[in-house]
Amino acid sequence: METYLNLMLVRFGLIAGAVVVLALVVFAVALSLKRRGRLDQARRYADPAVRAALRAAARRLEDGPARSGRRGGRR
């Protein structure tokens, strides 16, 4: 049981570290875009993708767990 808990702790540490590194990379990219004056242009390009991702997430939450197991099907 102790070995399992150690593995879970290591896994949690790796995931948390990856999230921190990803956040730092995103922050550095945003900072460099802002300094070059291209942050607004990047927002315009990313806005449709973010909206589509939010719509897809809302659709998944709306459908509930009963329909989430179905693959490839659309309404």
Protein backbone atom coordinates (compact mmCIF):
# COMPACT_ATOMS: atom_id res chain seq x y z
CA MET A 1 0.00 0.00 0.00
CA GLU A 2 2.86 2.37 0.76
CA THR A 3 4.37 1.80 -2.68
CA TYR A 4 1.05 2.62 -4.31
CA LEU A 5 0.75 5.86 -2.32
CA ASN A 6 4.31 6.82 -3.27
CA LEU A 7 3.55 6.24 -6.94
CA MET A 8 0.39 8.34 -6.67
CA LEU A 9 2.34 11.14 -5.00
CA VAL A 10 5.01 11.06 -7.70
CA ARG A 11 2.30 11.10 -10.39
CA PHE A 12 0.63 14.08 -8.74
CA GLY A 13 3.96 15.89 -8.55
CA LEU A 14 4.68 15.29 -12.22
CA ILE A 15 1.25 16.50 -13.28
CA ALA A 16 1.46 19.58 -11.06
CA GLY A 17 4.94 20.34 -12.38
CA ALA A 18 3.77 20.01 -15.98
CA VAL A 19 0.87 22.40 -15.32
CA VAL A 20 3.23 24.96 -13.78
CA VAL A 21 5.65 24.70 -16.71
CA LEU A 22 2.80 25.05 -19.20
CA ALA A 23 1.49 28.13 -17.38
CA LEU A 24 4.97 29.70 -17.44
CA VAL A 25 5.33 29.03 -21.15
CA VAL A 26 1.92 30.57 -21.91
CA PHE A 27 2.79 33.59 -19.77
CA ALA A 28 6.14 34.04 -21.54
CA VAL A 29 4.51 33.82 -24.98
CA ALA A 30 1.82 36.34 -23.99
CA LEU A 31 4.43 38.69 -22.57
CA SER A 32 6.57 38.55 -25.71
CA LEU A 33 3.52 39.11 -27.92
CA LYS A 34 2.50 42.10 -25.83
CA ARG A 35 5.97 43.62 -26.05
CA ARG A 36 5.93 43.27 -29.84
CA GLY A 37 2.42 44.70 -30.05
CA ARG A 38 0.90 41.58 -31.54
CA LEU A 39 -1.22 40.41 -28.62
CA ASP A 40 -4.45 41.82 -30.10
CA GLN A 41 -3.75 40.06 -33.38
CA ALA A 42 -3.14 36.77 -31.58
CA ARG A 43 -6.40 37.22 -29.64
CA ARG A 44 -8.31 37.69 -32.89
CA TYR A 45 -6.87 34.45 -34.28
CA ALA A 46 -7.45 32.47 -31.06
CA ASP A 47 -10.95 33.77 -30.31
CA PRO A 48 -12.87 31.44 -32.70
CA ALA A 49 -10.99 28.38 -31.43
CA VAL A 50 -11.66 29.28 -27.79
CA ARG A 51 -15.35 29.87 -28.50
CA ALA A 52 -15.63 26.52 -30.29
CA ALA A 53 -13.91 24.73 -27.40
CA LEU A 54 -16.26 26.36 -24.89
CA ARG A 55 -19.29 25.38 -26.98
CA ALA A 56 -18.05 21.78 -27.17
CA ALA A 57 -17.44 21.67 -23.41
CA ALA A 58 -20.89 23.11 -22.73
CA ARG A 59 -22.44 20.55 -25.07
CA ARG A 60 -20.69 17.71 -23.23
CA LEU A 61 -21.84 18.99 -19.86
CA GLU A 62 -25.36 19.45 -21.22
CA ASP A 63 -25.56 15.87 -22.54
CA GLY A 64 -24.56 14.38 -19.21
CA PRO A 65 -22.74 11.12 -18.41
CA ALA A 66 -25.30 8.85 -20.12
CA ARG A 67 -24.47 10.07 -23.61
CA SER A 68 -20.75 10.77 -23.16
CA GLY A 69 -19.79 7.15 -23.89
CA ARG A 70 -21.03 7.36 -27.46
CA ARG A 71 -18.21 7.92 -29.95
CA GLY A 72 -18.27 9.70 -33.26
CA GLY A 73 -21.95 10.53 -33.19
CA ARG A 74 -23.32 14.01 -33.49
CA ARG A 75 -26.80 15.22 -32.72
